[in-house]
Amino acid sequence: MPAPRLSAKMWAAAYIRRCQSMAVSAMVVHHGDDTAGVVLLKINTLVDGCAVYQPATDMDGHRYWRMATGNALVSETDADAYIDRQRGYDRDLWVIEVEDREGRHFLEEPVRKDD
């Protein structure tokens, strides 16, 4: 049985605190709907490129994350273009940017690569 989900606002605040506790910069760059907005994570390595993570749900209702821009890092321009397209589809979308040279995402749920 899937765990109950936090509101987007509460999840975003907890996630940012987790990053800050690891001395990593994380900030909301687009504030979506407080309750039901989907959160995208942009992980910026500041050197090698970016990854955008998007939540998904499997057939059993369990949440996981996937690299929405592919399994490799992309340029910041490409990451921002993907995010802008998603914001065009979903105005309730949240975007959190993490700046970490190691490219860590600090997610507790599983992260799956696309095949």
C-alpha atoms as a PDB file:
ATOM      1  CA  MET A   1       0.000   0.000   0.000  1.00  0.00           C
ATOM      2  CA  PRO A   2       1.475   3.377  -0.998  1.00  0.00           C
ATOM      3  CA  ALA A   3       2.336   5.848   1.734  1.00  0.00           C
ATOM      4  CA  PRO A   4       0.151   8.940   2.103  1.00  0.00           C
ATOM      5  CA  ARG A   5       1.506  11.928   0.221  1.00  0.00           C
ATOM      6  CA  LEU A   6       2.378  15.306   1.612  1.00  0.00           C
ATOM      7  CA  SER A   7       1.089  18.487   0.020  1.00  0.00           C
ATOM      8  CA  ALA A   8       3.428  19.906  -2.610  1.00  0.00           C
ATOM      9  CA  LYS A   9       4.252  22.885  -0.406  1.00  0.00           C
ATOM     10  CA  MET A  10       5.142  20.727   2.595  1.00  0.00           C
ATOM     11  CA  TRP A  11       7.170  18.263   0.481  1.00  0.00           C
ATOM     12  CA  ALA A  12       9.106  21.145  -1.143  1.00  0.00           C
ATOM     13  CA  ALA A  13       9.914  22.729   2.225  1.00  0.00           C
ATOM     14  CA  ALA A  14      11.121  19.414   3.686  1.00  0.00           C
ATOM     15  CA  TYR A  15      13.183  18.644   0.580  1.00  0.00           C
ATOM     16  CA  ILE A  16      14.893  22.046   0.667  1.00  0.00           C
ATOM     17  CA  ARG A  17      15.693  21.574   4.377  1.00  0.00           C
ATOM     18  CA  ARG A  18      17.207  18.151   3.574  1.00  0.00           C
ATOM     19  CA  CYS A  19      19.466  19.713   0.939  1.00  0.00           C
ATOM     20  CA  GLN A  20      20.452  22.577   3.221  1.00  0.00           C
ATOM     21  CA  SER A  21      21.314  20.125   6.012  1.00  0.00           C
ATOM     22  CA  MET A  22      23.888  18.691   3.569  1.00  0.00           C
ATOM     23  CA  ALA A  23      25.234  22.232   2.886  1.00  0.00           C
ATOM     24  CA  VAL A  24      23.766  22.178  -0.634  1.00  0.00           C
ATOM     25  CA  SER A  25      21.926  25.104  -2.177  1.00  0.00           C
ATOM     26  CA  ALA A  26      18.297  24.396  -3.106  1.00  0.00           C
ATOM     27  CA  MET A  27      15.608  26.904  -3.955  1.00  0.00           C
ATOM     28  CA  VAL A  28      12.104  27.091  -5.363  1.00  0.00           C
ATOM     29  CA  VAL A  29      12.391  28.705  -8.792  1.00  0.00           C
ATOM     30  CA  HIS A  30       8.704  28.272  -9.612  1.00  0.00           C
ATOM     31  CA  HIS A  31       5.966  28.050  -6.992  1.00  0.00           C
ATOM     32  CA  GLY A  32       3.022  25.930  -8.093  1.00  0.00           C
ATOM     33  CA  ASP A  33      -0.207  24.900  -6.416  1.00  0.00           C
ATOM     34  CA  ASP A  34       0.347  24.438  -2.662  1.00  0.00           C
ATOM     35  CA  THR A  35      -1.710  21.291  -2.409  1.00  0.00           C
ATOM     36  CA  ALA A  36      -1.626  19.278  -5.581  1.00  0.00           C
ATOM     37  CA  GLY A  37       1.178  20.684  -7.693  1.00  0.00           C
ATOM     38  CA  VAL A  38       3.737  18.312  -9.171  1.00  0.00           C
ATOM     39  CA  VAL A  39       7.356  19.028  -8.205  1.00  0.00           C
ATOM     40  CA  LEU A  40      10.170  18.876 -10.772  1.00  0.00           C
ATOM     41  CA  LEU A  41      13.755  18.854  -9.548  1.00  0.00           C
ATOM     42  CA  LYS A  42      16.514  20.452 -11.572  1.00  0.00           C
ATOM     43  CA  ILE A  43      19.894  19.227 -10.370  1.00  0.00           C
ATOM     44  CA  ASN A  44      22.591  21.574 -11.650  1.00  0.00           C
ATOM     45  CA  THR A  45      26.183  20.338 -11.330  1.00  0.00           C
ATOM     46  CA  LEU A  46      27.393  23.837 -12.307  1.00  0.00           C
ATOM     47  CA  VAL A  47      30.008  22.226 -14.573  1.00  0.00           C
ATOM     48  CA  ASP A  48      28.925  19.014 -16.284  1.00  0.00           C
ATOM     49  CA  GLY A  49      25.271  19.842 -16.949  1.00  0.00           C
ATOM     50  CA  CYS A  50      21.876  19.272 -15.412  1.00  0.00           C
ATOM     51  CA  ALA A  51      19.355  16.541 -14.773  1.00  0.00           C
ATOM     52  CA  VAL A  52      15.623  17.058 -14.371  1.00  0.00           C
ATOM     53  CA  TYR A  53      13.796  14.575 -12.165  1.00  0.00           C
ATOM     54  CA  GLN A  54      10.057  14.041 -12.421  1.00  0.00           C
ATOM     55  CA  PRO A  55       7.866  11.956 -10.116  1.00  0.00           C
ATOM     56  CA  ALA A  56       5.914   9.009 -11.475  1.00  0.00           C
ATOM     57  CA  THR A  57       3.744   6.244 -10.071  1.00  0.00           C
ATOM     58  CA  ASP A  58       4.111   2.558 -10.884  1.00  0.00           C
ATOM     59  CA  MET A  59       1.281   0.104 -11.506  1.00  0.00           C
ATOM     60  CA  ASP A  60       1.033  -0.633  -7.769  1.00  0.00           C
ATOM     61  CA  GLY A  61       0.658   3.037  -6.873  1.00  0.00           C
ATOM     62  CA  HIS A  62       4.207   3.446  -5.530  1.00  0.00           C
ATOM     63  CA  ARG A  63       5.973   6.700  -6.240  1.00  0.00           C
ATOM     64  CA  TYR A  64       9.366   6.823  -7.911  1.00  0.00           C
ATOM     65  CA  TRP A  65      11.413   9.421  -9.785  1.00  0.00           C
ATOM     66  CA  ARG A  66      12.798   9.338 -13.291  1.00  0.00           C
ATOM     67  CA  MET A  67      15.290  11.470 -15.164  1.00  0.00           C
ATOM     68  CA  ALA A  68      12.876  13.328 -17.404  1.00  0.00           C
ATOM     69  CA  THR A  69      15.554  14.625 -19.772  1.00  0.00           C
ATOM     70  CA  GLY A  70      17.134  11.204 -20.360  1.00  0.00           C
ATOM     71  CA  ASN A  71      19.693   9.101 -18.560  1.00  0.00           C
ATOM     72  CA  ALA A  72      22.606  11.501 -19.125  1.00  0.00           C
ATOM     73  CA  LEU A  73      23.184  15.080 -18.040  1.00  0.00           C
ATOM     74  CA  VAL A  74      22.008  17.765 -20.453  1.00  0.00           C
ATOM     75  CA  SER A  75      22.940  21.414 -20.877  1.00  0.00           C
ATOM     76  CA  GLU A  76      21.257  23.931 -18.617  1.00  0.00           C
ATOM     77  CA  THR A  77      19.577  25.393 -21.711  1.00  0.00           C
ATOM     78  CA  ASP A  78      18.051  21.997 -22.556  1.00  0.00           C
ATOM     79  CA  ALA A  79      16.970  21.424 -18.939  1.00  0.00           C
ATOM     80  CA  ASP A  80      15.314  24.851 -18.792  1.00  0.00           C
ATOM     81  CA  ALA A  81      13.592  24.264 -22.138  1.00  0.00           C
ATOM     82  CA  TYR A  82      12.130  20.982 -20.839  1.00  0.00           C
ATOM     83  CA  ILE A  83      10.922  22.712 -17.667  1.00  0.00           C
ATOM     84  CA  ASP A  84       9.382  25.577 -19.671  1.00  0.00           C
ATOM     85  CA  ARG A  85       7.474  23.076 -21.845  1.00  0.00           C
ATOM     86  CA  GLN A  86       6.171  21.300 -18.751  1.00  0.00           C
ATOM     87  CA  ARG A  87       5.109  24.607 -17.186  1.00  0.00           C
ATOM     88  CA  GLY A  88       3.191  25.307 -20.396  1.00  0.00           C
ATOM     89  CA  TYR A  89       1.186  22.123 -19.816  1.00  0.00           C
ATOM     90  CA  ASP A  90       0.819  22.468 -16.049  1.00  0.00           C
ATOM     91  CA  ARG A  91       0.627  25.901 -14.429  1.00  0.00           C
ATOM     92  CA  ASP A  92       0.436  24.238 -10.975  1.00  0.00           C
ATOM     93  CA  LEU A  93       3.950  22.817 -11.402  1.00  0.00           C
ATOM     94  CA  TRP A  94       6.674  23.455  -8.838  1.00  0.00           C
ATOM     95  CA  VAL A  95      10.340  23.644  -9.830  1.00  0.00           C
ATOM     96  CA  ILE A  96      13.147  23.277  -7.302  1.00  0.00           C
ATOM     97  CA  GLU A  97      16.730  23.860  -8.412  1.00  0.00           C
ATOM     98  CA  VAL A  98      19.570  22.176  -6.551  1.00  0.00           C
ATOM     99  CA  GLU A  99      23.158  23.278  -7.136  1.00  0.00           C
ATOM    100  CA  ASP A 100      25.503  20.425  -6.316  1.00  0.00           C
ATOM    101  CA  ARG A 101      28.779  19.756  -8.117  1.00  0.00           C
ATOM    102  CA  GLU A 102      28.393  16.040  -7.307  1.00  0.00           C
ATOM    103  CA  GLY A 103      24.936  15.923  -8.931  1.00  0.00           C
ATOM    104  CA  ARG A 104      23.243  14.425  -5.854  1.00  0.00           C
ATOM    105  CA  HIS A 105      19.449  14.474  -5.831  1.00  0.00           C
ATOM    106  CA  PHE A 106      18.774  13.660  -2.146  1.00  0.00           C
ATOM    107  CA  LEU A 107      15.572  11.794  -3.011  1.00  0.00           C
ATOM    108  CA  GLU A 108      14.306   9.103  -0.649  1.00  0.00           C
ATOM    109  CA  GLU A 109      12.067   7.374  -3.191  1.00  0.00           C
ATOM    110  CA  PRO A 110      13.643   5.142  -5.851  1.00  0.00           C
ATOM    111  CA  VAL A 111      15.079   6.730  -8.977  1.00  0.00           C
ATOM    112  CA  ARG A 112      14.631   4.684 -12.145  1.00  0.00           C
ATOM    113  CA  LYS A 113      16.356   5.117 -15.448  1.00  0.00           C
ATOM    114  CA  ASP A 114      14.414   4.906 -18.665  1.00  0.00           C
ATOM    115  CA  ASP A 115      15.247   1.906 -20.790  1.00  0.00           C
END
